[in-house]
Amino acid sequence: MQDTIKGFAASLPERQASFAERGCAMPFTAPMLSGARLRRGSSGPAEMLLPALGGRGVYVMGWNACLLHCAPSLHDRQLWDRIATQERPTPALVRAAAREVARLGYAGRPAQAAAKAALRQQEAVRDGLRDVLAARFLPLAPDAADLLAPMVAVLAQAGTGPGQLSERSPSAAIPQAIVALEAFCASIAAWSQMAQTPQERRGAAIALGAARMTLLVADASLQALWRTVAELPARLARGEVRQGDVLPLLADLASRADWLLDGWTMVGALWAAAGAAGRGGVLAELVSVLPVPPLEAESWPGPRAEWDTLLRARRMVAPGPAWSCGGLVDLAQRNEALRALAP
């Protein structure tokens, strides 16, 4: 397989320059597409990025090559069709498309039920946001009434801050993802204390380090967004911010945490689904698909992270893809089950 891939795929470094270049995590169910990302440049078709065998670099593949060599499922083809034509794919667009594909039943009944629940939750978040934003903005900046609906669309994944949504509204997607990543950190830290081999302890340390570094920057980005939302009504009232600048400002800030957390939901689902007895077995796969932020993130709020050091450690572990050991049918079924855990 490795020689075949070299025949039609270019290899990229482990860290790209920008999030657009790194692409969006695609929750495919085909084992050979685990850890896949989709990106699309200013011209040309969308292309897939796959973790290289042995954990060194990234392969770039066209969709036709994936069809020939990676056996995408019907779920994967449906998801590809919805995202590949997007001019600027984003994690939010992928999340919406993945929920729709799951809602239609392409990943099985558990994933279908989870997607329907996630869509209901999303509507509840939007309802809560409308109320909160109207209460914040209209008393100070009544002229901003026309901004409320587009602001809800921009902030639907991030919310407006801790405790700001009404009690009937569950948390938005991005705060939920941060809570889930915190839980993953706690779980893998506890497990590493009981790991049986040095290889397992190294793998756990790499995954924990990546998660903690991501959390610091994602949380800083989300806090910056929430501060901006809290300050905007008064700034609009004083004329310090033009209405035309509000949506681009909020969209940029809201997208940062989403890009940073992109891919971690499936990592957490993989770890949770393995259970205590199976976590040593999935650790190498988990380490091979860790989301690595591109260089662009180094200019964002939050502490500077030692990603190069962590990547050197990952190369020493040299994880291989789970499908290289066989059992493709079982892995495909497992991946469908993960869609229910990460709707």
C-alpha atoms as a PDB file:
ATOM      1  CA  MET A   1       0.000   0.000   0.000  1.00  0.00           C
ATOM      2  CA  GLN A   2       2.789   2.420   0.828  1.00  0.00           C
ATOM      3  CA  ASP A   3       4.423   1.991  -2.590  1.00  0.00           C
ATOM      4  CA  THR A   4       1.041   2.409  -4.273  1.00  0.00           C
ATOM      5  CA  ILE A   5       0.382   5.657  -2.425  1.00  0.00           C
ATOM      6  CA  LYS A   6       3.733   7.060  -3.457  1.00  0.00           C
ATOM      7  CA  GLY A   7       2.719   6.578  -7.081  1.00  0.00           C
ATOM      8  CA  PHE A   8      -0.103   9.113  -6.993  1.00  0.00           C
ATOM      9  CA  ALA A   9       0.323  11.238  -3.859  1.00  0.00           C
ATOM     10  CA  ALA A  10       2.634  14.033  -2.868  1.00  0.00           C
ATOM     11  CA  SER A  11       3.979  14.193   0.665  1.00  0.00           C
ATOM     12  CA  LEU A  12       3.586  17.312   2.794  1.00  0.00           C
ATOM     13  CA  PRO A  13       5.219  18.294   6.081  1.00  0.00           C
ATOM     14  CA  GLU A  14       3.332  17.570   9.274  1.00  0.00           C
ATOM     15  CA  ARG A  15       2.583  21.270   9.857  1.00  0.00           C
ATOM     16  CA  GLN A  16       1.106  23.347   7.064  1.00  0.00           C
ATOM     17  CA  ALA A  17       1.199  27.136   6.914  1.00  0.00           C
ATOM     18  CA  SER A  18      -2.515  27.821   7.384  1.00  0.00           C
ATOM     19  CA  PHE A  19      -5.724  26.147   8.490  1.00  0.00           C
ATOM     20  CA  ALA A  20      -7.099  26.343   4.949  1.00  0.00           C
ATOM     21  CA  GLU A  21      -4.015  24.477   3.748  1.00  0.00           C
ATOM     22  CA  ARG A  22      -4.385  21.876   6.533  1.00  0.00           C
ATOM     23  CA  GLY A  23      -8.018  21.317   5.580  1.00  0.00           C
ATOM     24  CA  CYS A  24     -11.089  20.171   7.531  1.00  0.00           C
ATOM     25  CA  ALA A  25     -11.325  16.878   9.395  1.00  0.00           C
ATOM     26  CA  MET A  26     -13.728  14.522   7.624  1.00  0.00           C
ATOM     27  CA  PRO A  27     -15.520  11.949   9.818  1.00  0.00           C
ATOM     28  CA  PHE A  28     -15.367   9.187   7.243  1.00  0.00           C
ATOM     29  CA  THR A  29     -16.225   5.605   8.182  1.00  0.00           C
ATOM     30  CA  ALA A  30     -13.894   3.785   5.739  1.00  0.00           C
ATOM     31  CA  PRO A  31     -10.857   2.517   7.719  1.00  0.00           C
ATOM     32  CA  MET A  32      -8.360   3.668   5.084  1.00  0.00           C
ATOM     33  CA  LEU A  33      -9.714   7.215   5.329  1.00  0.00           C
ATOM     34  CA  SER A  34      -9.249   7.548   9.100  1.00  0.00           C
ATOM     35  CA  GLY A  35      -7.735  10.925   9.927  1.00  0.00           C
ATOM     36  CA  ALA A  36      -8.558  12.303   6.464  1.00  0.00           C
ATOM     37  CA  ARG A  37      -8.858  16.013   5.840  1.00  0.00           C
ATOM     38  CA  LEU A  38     -10.363  17.859   2.903  1.00  0.00           C
ATOM     39  CA  ARG A  39      -9.015  21.100   1.526  1.00  0.00           C
ATOM     40  CA  ARG A  40      -9.661  23.214  -1.530  1.00  0.00           C
ATOM     41  CA  GLY A  41      -7.453  25.954  -2.879  1.00  0.00           C
ATOM     42  CA  SER A  42      -8.499  29.036  -4.800  1.00  0.00           C
ATOM     43  CA  SER A  43      -8.512  26.978  -7.995  1.00  0.00           C
ATOM     44  CA  GLY A  44      -8.825  23.327  -8.831  1.00  0.00           C
ATOM     45  CA  PRO A  45     -10.811  20.505  -7.237  1.00  0.00           C
ATOM     46  CA  ALA A  46     -10.920  19.542  -3.584  1.00  0.00           C
ATOM     47  CA  GLU A  47      -8.285  17.059  -2.436  1.00  0.00           C
ATOM     48  CA  MET A  48      -7.748  14.703   0.472  1.00  0.00           C
ATOM     49  CA  LEU A  49      -4.935  14.793   3.019  1.00  0.00           C
ATOM     50  CA  LEU A  50      -4.157  11.513   4.789  1.00  0.00           C
ATOM     51  CA  PRO A  51      -1.675  10.741   7.578  1.00  0.00           C
ATOM     52  CA  ALA A  52       1.416   9.153   6.043  1.00  0.00           C
ATOM     53  CA  LEU A  53       2.298   5.597   6.950  1.00  0.00           C
ATOM     54  CA  GLY A  54       4.676   5.553   9.882  1.00  0.00           C
ATOM     55  CA  GLY A  55       3.491   8.937  11.158  1.00  0.00           C
ATOM     56  CA  ARG A  56       5.861  10.975   8.986  1.00  0.00           C
ATOM     57  CA  GLY A  57       4.257  13.692   6.905  1.00  0.00           C
ATOM     58  CA  VAL A  58       0.931  13.868   5.072  1.00  0.00           C
ATOM     59  CA  TYR A  59      -0.170  12.402   1.744  1.00  0.00           C
ATOM     60  CA  VAL A  60      -2.179  14.465  -0.768  1.00  0.00           C
ATOM     61  CA  MET A  61      -4.662  12.474  -2.845  1.00  0.00           C
ATOM     62  CA  GLY A  62      -7.397  13.184  -5.351  1.00  0.00           C
ATOM     63  CA  TRP A  63     -10.858  11.758  -4.726  1.00  0.00           C
ATOM     64  CA  ASN A  64     -10.554   9.404  -7.698  1.00  0.00           C
ATOM     65  CA  ALA A  65      -7.481   7.852  -6.067  1.00  0.00           C
ATOM     66  CA  CYS A  66      -9.466   7.461  -2.841  1.00  0.00           C
ATOM     67  CA  LEU A  67     -12.226   5.706  -4.752  1.00  0.00           C
ATOM     68  CA  LEU A  68      -9.721   3.284  -6.251  1.00  0.00           C
ATOM     69  CA  HIS A  69      -7.623   2.516  -3.195  1.00  0.00           C
ATOM     70  CA  CYS A  70      -9.470   3.506   0.010  1.00  0.00           C
ATOM     71  CA  ALA A  71     -12.934   1.954  -0.437  1.00  0.00           C
ATOM     72  CA  PRO A  72     -15.026   4.884   0.818  1.00  0.00           C
ATOM     73  CA  SER A  73     -18.426   3.881   2.167  1.00  0.00           C
ATOM     74  CA  LEU A  74     -21.746   5.225   0.906  1.00  0.00           C
ATOM     75  CA  HIS A  75     -21.711   7.519   3.958  1.00  0.00           C
ATOM     76  CA  ASP A  76     -18.283   8.845   2.902  1.00  0.00           C
ATOM     77  CA  ARG A  77     -19.374   9.457  -0.686  1.00  0.00           C
ATOM     78  CA  GLN A  78     -22.439  11.349   0.470  1.00  0.00           C
ATOM     79  CA  LEU A  79     -20.314  13.477   2.793  1.00  0.00           C
ATOM     80  CA  TRP A  80     -17.734  14.152   0.081  1.00  0.00           C
ATOM     81  CA  ASP A  81     -20.433  15.250  -2.382  1.00  0.00           C
ATOM     82  CA  ARG A  82     -21.741  17.834   0.086  1.00  0.00           C
ATOM     83  CA  ILE A  83     -18.371  19.325   1.017  1.00  0.00           C
ATOM     84  CA  ALA A  84     -16.123  19.016  -2.052  1.00  0.00           C
ATOM     85  CA  THR A  85     -18.109  21.625  -3.991  1.00  0.00           C
ATOM     86  CA  GLN A  86     -17.917  24.230  -1.218  1.00  0.00           C
ATOM     87  CA  GLU A  87     -15.759  27.181  -2.208  1.00  0.00           C
ATOM     88  CA  ARG A  88     -14.318  27.510   1.307  1.00  0.00           C
ATOM     89  CA  PRO A  89     -14.807  24.352   3.391  1.00  0.00           C
ATOM     90  CA  THR A  90     -14.848  24.985   7.150  1.00  0.00           C
ATOM     91  CA  PRO A  91     -15.304  22.800  10.240  1.00  0.00           C
ATOM     92  CA  ALA A  92     -18.794  24.259  10.699  1.00  0.00           C
ATOM     93  CA  LEU A  93     -19.791  23.300   7.146  1.00  0.00           C
ATOM     94  CA  VAL A  94     -18.399  19.790   7.609  1.00  0.00           C
ATOM     95  CA  ARG A  95     -20.243  19.425  10.918  1.00  0.00           C
ATOM     96  CA  ALA A  96     -23.535  20.470   9.312  1.00  0.00           C
ATOM     97  CA  ALA A  97     -23.034  18.152   6.329  1.00  0.00           C
ATOM     98  CA  ALA A  98     -21.999  15.222   8.538  1.00  0.00           C
ATOM     99  CA  ARG A  99     -25.107  15.656  10.674  1.00  0.00           C
ATOM    100  CA  GLU A 100     -27.309  15.737   7.604  1.00  0.00           C
ATOM    101  CA  VAL A 101     -25.733  12.591   6.145  1.00  0.00           C
ATOM    102  CA  ALA A 102     -26.107  10.814   9.482  1.00  0.00           C
ATOM    103  CA  ARG A 103     -29.683  12.086   9.853  1.00  0.00           C
ATOM    104  CA  LEU A 104     -30.520  10.417   6.541  1.00  0.00           C
ATOM    105  CA  GLY A 105     -29.335   7.092   7.934  1.00  0.00           C
ATOM    106  CA  TYR A 106     -26.079   6.562   6.055  1.00  0.00           C
ATOM    107  CA  ALA A 107     -24.110   5.771   9.255  1.00  0.00           C
ATOM    108  CA  GLY A 108     -26.695   3.529  10.902  1.00  0.00           C
ATOM    109  CA  ARG A 109     -29.528   4.095  13.350  1.00  0.00           C
ATOM    110  CA  PRO A 110     -27.508   5.120  16.431  1.00  0.00           C
ATOM    111  CA  ALA A 111     -25.720   7.832  14.441  1.00  0.00           C
ATOM    112  CA  GLN A 112     -29.051   8.887  12.938  1.00  0.00           C
ATOM    113  CA  ALA A 113     -30.595   9.318  16.376  1.00  0.00           C
ATOM    114  CA  ALA A 114     -27.534  11.222  17.637  1.00  0.00           C
ATOM    115  CA  ALA A 115     -27.628  13.555  14.618  1.00  0.00           C
ATOM    116  CA  LYS A 116     -31.310  14.325  15.143  1.00  0.00           C
ATOM    117  CA  ALA A 117     -30.639  15.098  18.804  1.00  0.00           C
ATOM    118  CA  ALA A 118     -27.706  17.351  17.854  1.00  0.00           C
ATOM    119  CA  LEU A 119     -29.880  19.255  15.378  1.00  0.00           C
ATOM    120  CA  ARG A 120     -32.558  19.802  18.042  1.00  0.00           C
ATOM    121  CA  GLN A 121     -29.883  21.003  20.425  1.00  0.00           C
ATOM    122  CA  GLN A 122     -28.567  23.395  17.784  1.00  0.00           C
ATOM    123  CA  GLU A 123     -32.009  24.945  17.367  1.00  0.00           C
ATOM    124  CA  ALA A 124     -32.310  25.375  21.139  1.00  0.00           C
ATOM    125  CA  VAL A 125     -28.944  27.153  21.196  1.00  0.00           C
ATOM    126  CA  ARG A 126     -30.073  29.488  18.412  1.00  0.00           C
ATOM    127  CA  ASP A 127     -33.276  30.340  20.280  1.00  0.00           C
ATOM    128  CA  GLY A 128     -31.325  31.126  23.431  1.00  0.00           C
ATOM    129  CA  LEU A 129     -28.821  33.230  21.518  1.00  0.00           C
ATOM    130  CA  ARG A 130     -31.525  35.390  19.963  1.00  0.00           C
ATOM    131  CA  ASP A 131     -32.902  36.237  23.384  1.00  0.00           C
ATOM    132  CA  VAL A 132     -29.486  36.951  24.911  1.00  0.00           C
ATOM    133  CA  LEU A 133     -28.254  39.100  22.024  1.00  0.00           C
ATOM    134  CA  ALA A 134     -31.483  41.100  21.874  1.00  0.00           C
ATOM    135  CA  ALA A 135     -31.276  41.801  25.613  1.00  0.00           C
ATOM    136  CA  ARG A 136     -27.648  42.892  25.296  1.00  0.00           C
ATOM    137  CA  PHE A 137     -27.654  44.924  22.110  1.00  0.00           C
ATOM    138  CA  LEU A 138     -31.029  46.574  21.664  1.00  0.00           C
ATOM    139  CA  PRO A 139     -31.029  48.722  24.848  1.00  0.00           C
ATOM    140  CA  LEU A 140     -27.642  50.269  23.970  1.00  0.00           C
ATOM    141  CA  ALA A 141     -27.620  49.981  20.176  1.00  0.00           C
ATOM    142  CA  PRO A 142     -31.218  49.771  18.874  1.00  0.00           C
ATOM    143  CA  ASP A 143     -29.986  50.373  15.334  1.00  0.00           C
ATOM    144  CA  ALA A 144     -28.249  46.962  15.517  1.00  0.00           C
ATOM    145  CA  ALA A 145     -31.576  45.083  15.315  1.00  0.00           C
ATOM    146  CA  ASP A 146     -30.832  44.008  11.746  1.00  0.00           C
ATOM    147  CA  LEU A 147     -27.580  42.428  12.926  1.00  0.00           C
ATOM    148  CA  LEU A 148     -29.188  40.026  15.370  1.00  0.00           C
ATOM    149  CA  ALA A 149     -30.149  37.270  12.936  1.00  0.00           C
ATOM    150  CA  PRO A 150     -26.753  37.131  11.167  1.00  0.00           C
ATOM    151  CA  MET A 151     -25.003  37.324  14.555  1.00  0.00           C
ATOM    152  CA  VAL A 152     -26.936  34.267  15.701  1.00  0.00           C
ATOM    153  CA  ALA A 153     -25.713  32.410  12.611  1.00  0.00           C
ATOM    154  CA  VAL A 154     -22.113  33.428  13.308  1.00  0.00           C
ATOM    155  CA  LEU A 155     -22.211  32.663  17.038  1.00  0.00           C
ATOM    156  CA  ALA A 156     -24.372  29.525  16.969  1.00  0.00           C
ATOM    157  CA  GLN A 157     -21.348  27.256  17.370  1.00  0.00           C
ATOM    158  CA  ALA A 158     -19.662  29.346  20.080  1.00  0.00           C
ATOM    159  CA  GLY A 159     -22.382  30.888  22.241  1.00  0.00           C
ATOM    160  CA  THR A 160     -21.949  34.244  23.977  1.00  0.00           C
ATOM    161  CA  GLY A 161     -20.217  33.262  27.199  1.00  0.00           C
ATOM    162  CA  PRO A 162     -20.587  31.081  30.311  1.00  0.00           C
ATOM    163  CA  GLY A 163     -24.048  31.131  31.840  1.00  0.00           C
ATOM    164  CA  GLN A 164     -25.467  33.447  29.200  1.00  0.00           C
ATOM    165  CA  LEU A 165     -27.810  30.993  27.497  1.00  0.00           C
ATOM    166  CA  SER A 166     -31.146  30.258  29.101  1.00  0.00           C
ATOM    167  CA  GLU A 167     -31.496  27.086  31.145  1.00  0.00           C
ATOM    168  CA  ARG A 168     -33.471  25.342  28.407  1.00  0.00           C
ATOM    169  CA  SER A 169     -30.629  25.880  25.926  1.00  0.00           C
ATOM    170  CA  PRO A 170     -27.743  23.398  26.014  1.00  0.00           C
ATOM    171  CA  SER A 171     -24.206  24.475  25.365  1.00  0.00           C
ATOM    172  CA  ALA A 172     -23.045  25.405  21.886  1.00  0.00           C
ATOM    173  CA  ALA A 173     -20.783  23.085  19.887  1.00  0.00           C
ATOM    174  CA  ILE A 174     -17.440  24.764  20.568  1.00  0.00           C
ATOM    175  CA  PRO A 175     -17.767  25.021  24.379  1.00  0.00           C
ATOM    176  CA  GLN A 176     -18.968  21.410  24.344  1.00  0.00           C
ATOM    177  CA  ALA A 177     -15.880  20.393  22.382  1.00  0.00           C
ATOM    178  CA  ILE A 178     -13.634  22.154  24.909  1.00  0.00           C
ATOM    179  CA  VAL A 179     -15.342  20.362  27.801  1.00  0.00           C
ATOM    180  CA  ALA A 180     -14.950  17.050  25.961  1.00  0.00           C
ATOM    181  CA  LEU A 181     -11.257  17.703  25.324  1.00  0.00           C
ATOM    182  CA  GLU A 182     -10.739  18.530  29.000  1.00  0.00           C
ATOM    183  CA  ALA A 183     -12.372  15.216  29.882  1.00  0.00           C
ATOM    184  CA  PHE A 184     -10.112  13.434  27.393  1.00  0.00           C
ATOM    185  CA  CYS A 185      -7.064  14.991  29.048  1.00  0.00           C
ATOM    186  CA  ALA A 186      -8.191  13.816  32.470  1.00  0.00           C
ATOM    187  CA  SER A 187      -8.930  10.318  31.194  1.00  0.00           C
ATOM    188  CA  ILE A 188      -5.690   9.749  29.312  1.00  0.00           C
ATOM    189  CA  ALA A 189      -3.623  11.248  32.164  1.00  0.00           C
ATOM    190  CA  ALA A 190      -5.209   8.801  34.604  1.00  0.00           C
ATOM    191  CA  TRP A 191      -4.781   5.881  32.199  1.00  0.00           C
ATOM    192  CA  SER A 192      -1.098   6.657  31.591  1.00  0.00           C
ATOM    193  CA  GLN A 193      -0.419   6.109  35.293  1.00  0.00           C
ATOM    194  CA  MET A 194      -1.478   2.487  34.811  1.00  0.00           C
ATOM    195  CA  ALA A 195       0.038   1.907  31.356  1.00  0.00           C
ATOM    196  CA  GLN A 196       1.843  -1.414  31.094  1.00  0.00           C
ATOM    197  CA  THR A 197       4.692  -0.578  28.695  1.00  0.00           C
ATOM    198  CA  PRO A 198       7.047   2.351  28.004  1.00  0.00           C
ATOM    199  CA  GLN A 199       5.586   2.550  24.473  1.00  0.00           C
ATOM    200  CA  GLU A 200       2.111   3.065  25.887  1.00  0.00           C
ATOM    201  CA  ARG A 201       3.332   5.706  28.315  1.00  0.00           C
ATOM    202  CA  ARG A 202       5.100   7.585  25.501  1.00  0.00           C
ATOM    203  CA  GLY A 203       2.022   7.452  23.296  1.00  0.00           C
ATOM    204  CA  ALA A 204      -0.190   8.688  26.118  1.00  0.00           C
ATOM    205  CA  ALA A 205       2.221  11.531  26.878  1.00  0.00           C
ATOM    206  CA  ILE A 206       2.202  12.620  23.223  1.00  0.00           C
ATOM    207  CA  ALA A 207      -1.607  12.591  23.002  1.00  0.00           C
ATOM    208  CA  LEU A 208      -1.942  14.398  26.334  1.00  0.00           C
ATOM    209  CA  GLY A 209       0.606  17.032  25.350  1.00  0.00           C
ATOM    210  CA  ALA A 210      -1.163  17.707  22.050  1.00  0.00           C
ATOM    211  CA  ALA A 211      -4.555  17.988  23.751  1.00  0.00           C
ATOM    212  CA  ARG A 212      -3.326  20.330  26.468  1.00  0.00           C
ATOM    213  CA  MET A 213      -1.528  22.634  24.014  1.00  0.00           C
ATOM    214  CA  THR A 214      -4.654  22.784  21.844  1.00  0.00           C
ATOM    215  CA  LEU A 215      -6.864  23.544  24.837  1.00  0.00           C
ATOM    216  CA  LEU A 216      -4.787  26.528  25.927  1.00  0.00           C
ATOM    217  CA  VAL A 217      -5.060  28.288  22.573  1.00  0.00           C
ATOM    218  CA  ALA A 218      -8.661  27.261  21.863  1.00  0.00           C
ATOM    219  CA  ASP A 219      -9.794  28.516  25.251  1.00  0.00           C
ATOM    220  CA  ALA A 220      -7.915  31.801  24.765  1.00  0.00           C
ATOM    221  CA  SER A 221      -9.566  32.247  21.361  1.00  0.00           C
ATOM    222  CA  LEU A 222     -13.022  31.561  22.774  1.00  0.00           C
ATOM    223  CA  GLN A 223     -12.484  33.953  25.686  1.00  0.00           C
ATOM    224  CA  ALA A 224     -11.407  36.657  23.209  1.00  0.00           C
ATOM    225  CA  LEU A 225     -14.630  36.126  21.261  1.00  0.00           C
ATOM    226  CA  TRP A 226     -16.807  36.312  24.361  1.00  0.00           C
ATOM    227  CA  ARG A 227     -15.073  39.504  25.540  1.00  0.00           C
ATOM    228  CA  THR A 228     -15.668  41.059  22.144  1.00  0.00           C
ATOM    229  CA  VAL A 229     -19.370  40.133  22.178  1.00  0.00           C
ATOM    230  CA  ALA A 230     -19.755  41.618  25.675  1.00  0.00           C
ATOM    231  CA  GLU A 231     -18.048  44.877  24.673  1.00  0.00           C
ATOM    232  CA  LEU A 232     -19.706  45.372  21.278  1.00  0.00           C
ATOM    233  CA  PRO A 233     -23.038  46.980  22.331  1.00  0.00           C
ATOM    234  CA  ALA A 234     -21.307  49.842  24.140  1.00  0.00           C
ATOM    235  CA  ARG A 235     -18.729  50.238  21.363  1.00  0.00           C
ATOM    236  CA  LEU A 236     -21.486  50.403  18.745  1.00  0.00           C
ATOM    237  CA  ALA A 237     -23.354  52.978  20.832  1.00  0.00           C
ATOM    238  CA  ARG A 238     -20.223  55.136  21.078  1.00  0.00           C
ATOM    239  CA  GLY A 239     -19.525  54.796  17.347  1.00  0.00           C
ATOM    240  CA  GLU A 240     -16.184  53.044  17.922  1.00  0.00           C
ATOM    241  CA  VAL A 241     -17.232  50.138  15.680  1.00  0.00           C
ATOM    242  CA  ARG A 242     -19.172  50.340  12.434  1.00  0.00           C
ATOM    243  CA  GLN A 243     -22.050  47.919  11.964  1.00  0.00           C
ATOM    244  CA  GLY A 244     -20.485  46.700   8.735  1.00  0.00           C
ATOM    245  CA  ASP A 245     -17.413  45.546  10.660  1.00  0.00           C
ATOM    246  CA  VAL A 246     -19.275  43.524  13.321  1.00  0.00           C
ATOM    247  CA  LEU A 247     -19.981  40.315  11.429  1.00  0.00           C
ATOM    248  CA  PRO A 248     -16.506  39.912   9.863  1.00  0.00           C
ATOM    249  CA  LEU A 249     -14.927  40.546  13.274  1.00  0.00           C
ATOM    250  CA  LEU A 250     -17.108  37.978  15.049  1.00  0.00           C
ATOM    251  CA  ALA A 251     -16.784  35.429  12.235  1.00  0.00           C
ATOM    252  CA  ASP A 252     -12.990  35.580  12.392  1.00  0.00           C
ATOM    253  CA  LEU A 253     -12.890  35.191  16.175  1.00  0.00           C
ATOM    254  CA  ALA A 254     -15.528  32.445  16.254  1.00  0.00           C
ATOM    255  CA  SER A 255     -13.759  30.402  13.573  1.00  0.00           C
ATOM    256  CA  ARG A 256     -10.446  30.262  15.444  1.00  0.00           C
ATOM    257  CA  ALA A 257     -11.511  27.934  18.242  1.00  0.00           C
ATOM    258  CA  ASP A 258     -13.455  25.837  15.744  1.00  0.00           C
ATOM    259  CA  TRP A 259     -10.383  25.353  13.547  1.00  0.00           C
ATOM    260  CA  LEU A 260      -8.196  24.531  16.548  1.00  0.00           C
ATOM    261  CA  LEU A 261     -10.630  21.905  17.851  1.00  0.00           C
ATOM    262  CA  ASP A 262     -11.324  20.443  14.416  1.00  0.00           C
ATOM    263  CA  GLY A 263     -10.672  16.694  14.514  1.00  0.00           C
ATOM    264  CA  TRP A 264     -10.513  16.333  18.294  1.00  0.00           C
ATOM    265  CA  THR A 265     -14.127  15.190  18.630  1.00  0.00           C
ATOM    266  CA  MET A 266     -13.380  11.996  16.712  1.00  0.00           C
ATOM    267  CA  VAL A 267     -10.168  11.462  18.699  1.00  0.00           C
ATOM    268  CA  GLY A 268     -12.132  11.701  21.934  1.00  0.00           C
ATOM    269  CA  ALA A 269     -14.818   9.375  20.586  1.00  0.00           C
ATOM    270  CA  LEU A 270     -12.191   6.817  19.578  1.00  0.00           C
ATOM    271  CA  TRP A 271     -10.701   6.892  23.075  1.00  0.00           C
ATOM    272  CA  ALA A 272     -14.082   6.694  24.825  1.00  0.00           C
ATOM    273  CA  ALA A 273     -15.343   3.856  22.637  1.00  0.00           C
ATOM    274  CA  ALA A 274     -12.263   1.731  23.307  1.00  0.00           C
ATOM    275  CA  GLY A 275     -13.046   1.435  27.009  1.00  0.00           C
ATOM    276  CA  ALA A 276     -10.465   0.815  29.702  1.00  0.00           C
ATOM    277  CA  ALA A 277      -9.506  -2.613  28.354  1.00  0.00           C
ATOM    278  CA  GLY A 278      -9.013  -1.545  24.746  1.00  0.00           C
ATOM    279  CA  ARG A 279      -7.217   1.766  25.068  1.00  0.00           C
ATOM    280  CA  GLY A 280      -3.729   0.345  24.724  1.00  0.00           C
ATOM    281  CA  GLY A 281      -4.818  -1.125  21.412  1.00  0.00           C
ATOM    282  CA  VAL A 282      -6.144   2.143  19.946  1.00  0.00           C
ATOM    283  CA  LEU A 283      -3.392   4.393  21.281  1.00  0.00           C
ATOM    284  CA  ALA A 284      -1.130   4.104  18.218  1.00  0.00           C
ATOM    285  CA  GLU A 285      -4.042   4.883  15.902  1.00  0.00           C
ATOM    286  CA  LEU A 286      -5.048   7.827  18.067  1.00  0.00           C
ATOM    287  CA  VAL A 287      -1.512   9.259  18.053  1.00  0.00           C
ATOM    288  CA  SER A 288      -1.325   8.935  14.256  1.00  0.00           C
ATOM    289  CA  VAL A 289      -4.410  11.141  13.710  1.00  0.00           C
ATOM    290  CA  LEU A 290      -3.789  13.851  16.339  1.00  0.00           C
ATOM    291  CA  PRO A 291      -4.860  17.239  14.917  1.00  0.00           C
ATOM    292  CA  VAL A 292      -1.726  19.373  14.559  1.00  0.00           C
ATOM    293  CA  PRO A 293      -2.396  23.130  14.241  1.00  0.00           C
ATOM    294  CA  PRO A 294      -0.610  24.898  11.373  1.00  0.00           C
ATOM    295  CA  LEU A 295       1.864  27.720  11.779  1.00  0.00           C
ATOM    296  CA  GLU A 296      -0.945  30.279  11.448  1.00  0.00           C
ATOM    297  CA  ALA A 297      -2.065  29.506  15.018  1.00  0.00           C
ATOM    298  CA  GLU A 298       1.214  30.792  16.451  1.00  0.00           C
ATOM    299  CA  SER A 299       0.010  34.375  15.958  1.00  0.00           C
ATOM    300  CA  TRP A 300      -3.267  33.774  17.821  1.00  0.00           C
ATOM    301  CA  PRO A 301      -3.910  34.467  21.522  1.00  0.00           C
ATOM    302  CA  GLY A 302      -2.562  31.974  24.023  1.00  0.00           C
ATOM    303  CA  PRO A 303       0.841  30.599  25.004  1.00  0.00           C
ATOM    304  CA  ARG A 304       3.294  29.399  22.393  1.00  0.00           C
ATOM    305  CA  ALA A 305       3.303  25.605  22.154  1.00  0.00           C
ATOM    306  CA  GLU A 306       6.168  23.183  21.533  1.00  0.00           C
ATOM    307  CA  TRP A 307       4.603  21.386  18.589  1.00  0.00           C
ATOM    308  CA  ASP A 308       7.898  20.646  16.858  1.00  0.00           C
ATOM    309  CA  THR A 309       9.148  18.857  19.977  1.00  0.00           C
ATOM    310  CA  LEU A 310       5.949  16.836  20.189  1.00  0.00           C
ATOM    311  CA  LEU A 311       6.103  15.876  16.513  1.00  0.00           C
ATOM    312  CA  ARG A 312       9.671  14.631  16.892  1.00  0.00           C
ATOM    313  CA  ALA A 313       8.475  12.450  19.769  1.00  0.00           C
ATOM    314  CA  ARG A 314       5.617  11.134  17.627  1.00  0.00           C
ATOM    315  CA  ARG A 315       8.039  10.075  14.898  1.00  0.00           C
ATOM    316  CA  MET A 316       9.895   7.964  17.446  1.00  0.00           C
ATOM    317  CA  VAL A 317       6.674   6.175  18.306  1.00  0.00           C
ATOM    318  CA  ALA A 318       6.111   5.703  14.538  1.00  0.00           C
ATOM    319  CA  PRO A 319       2.403   4.832  14.731  1.00  0.00           C
ATOM    320  CA  GLY A 320       0.859   2.897  11.883  1.00  0.00           C
ATOM    321  CA  PRO A 321      -2.745   3.034  10.644  1.00  0.00           C
ATOM    322  CA  ALA A 322      -5.165   0.622  12.265  1.00  0.00           C
ATOM    323  CA  TRP A 323      -6.202  -0.843   8.900  1.00  0.00           C
ATOM    324  CA  SER A 324      -2.659  -2.076   8.198  1.00  0.00           C
ATOM    325  CA  CYS A 325      -3.310  -4.938  10.637  1.00  0.00           C
ATOM    326  CA  GLY A 326      -6.470  -6.051   8.816  1.00  0.00           C
ATOM    327  CA  GLY A 327      -9.991  -6.344  10.181  1.00  0.00           C
ATOM    328  CA  LEU A 328     -11.422  -3.738   7.788  1.00  0.00           C
ATOM    329  CA  VAL A 329     -15.040  -4.812   8.276  1.00  0.00           C
ATOM    330  CA  ASP A 330     -14.794  -4.548  12.060  1.00  0.00           C
ATOM    331  CA  LEU A 331     -13.052  -1.176  11.777  1.00  0.00           C
ATOM    332  CA  ALA A 332     -15.766   0.152   9.458  1.00  0.00           C
ATOM    333  CA  GLN A 333     -18.443  -0.926  11.939  1.00  0.00           C
ATOM    334  CA  ARG A 334     -16.515   0.696  14.755  1.00  0.00           C
ATOM    335  CA  ASN A 335     -16.196   3.937  12.780  1.00  0.00           C
ATOM    336  CA  GLU A 336     -19.956   3.992  12.216  1.00  0.00           C
ATOM    337  CA  ALA A 337     -20.423   3.620  15.953  1.00  0.00           C
ATOM    338  CA  LEU A 338     -18.067   6.585  16.495  1.00  0.00           C
ATOM    339  CA  ARG A 339     -20.404   8.756  14.411  1.00  0.00           C
ATOM    340  CA  ALA A 340     -23.013   8.243  17.121  1.00  0.00           C
ATOM    341  CA  LEU A 341     -20.541   9.454  19.750  1.00  0.00           C
ATOM    342  CA  ALA A 342     -19.432  12.477  17.703  1.00  0.00           C
ATOM    343  CA  PRO A 343     -22.535  13.818  15.900  1.00  0.00           C
END
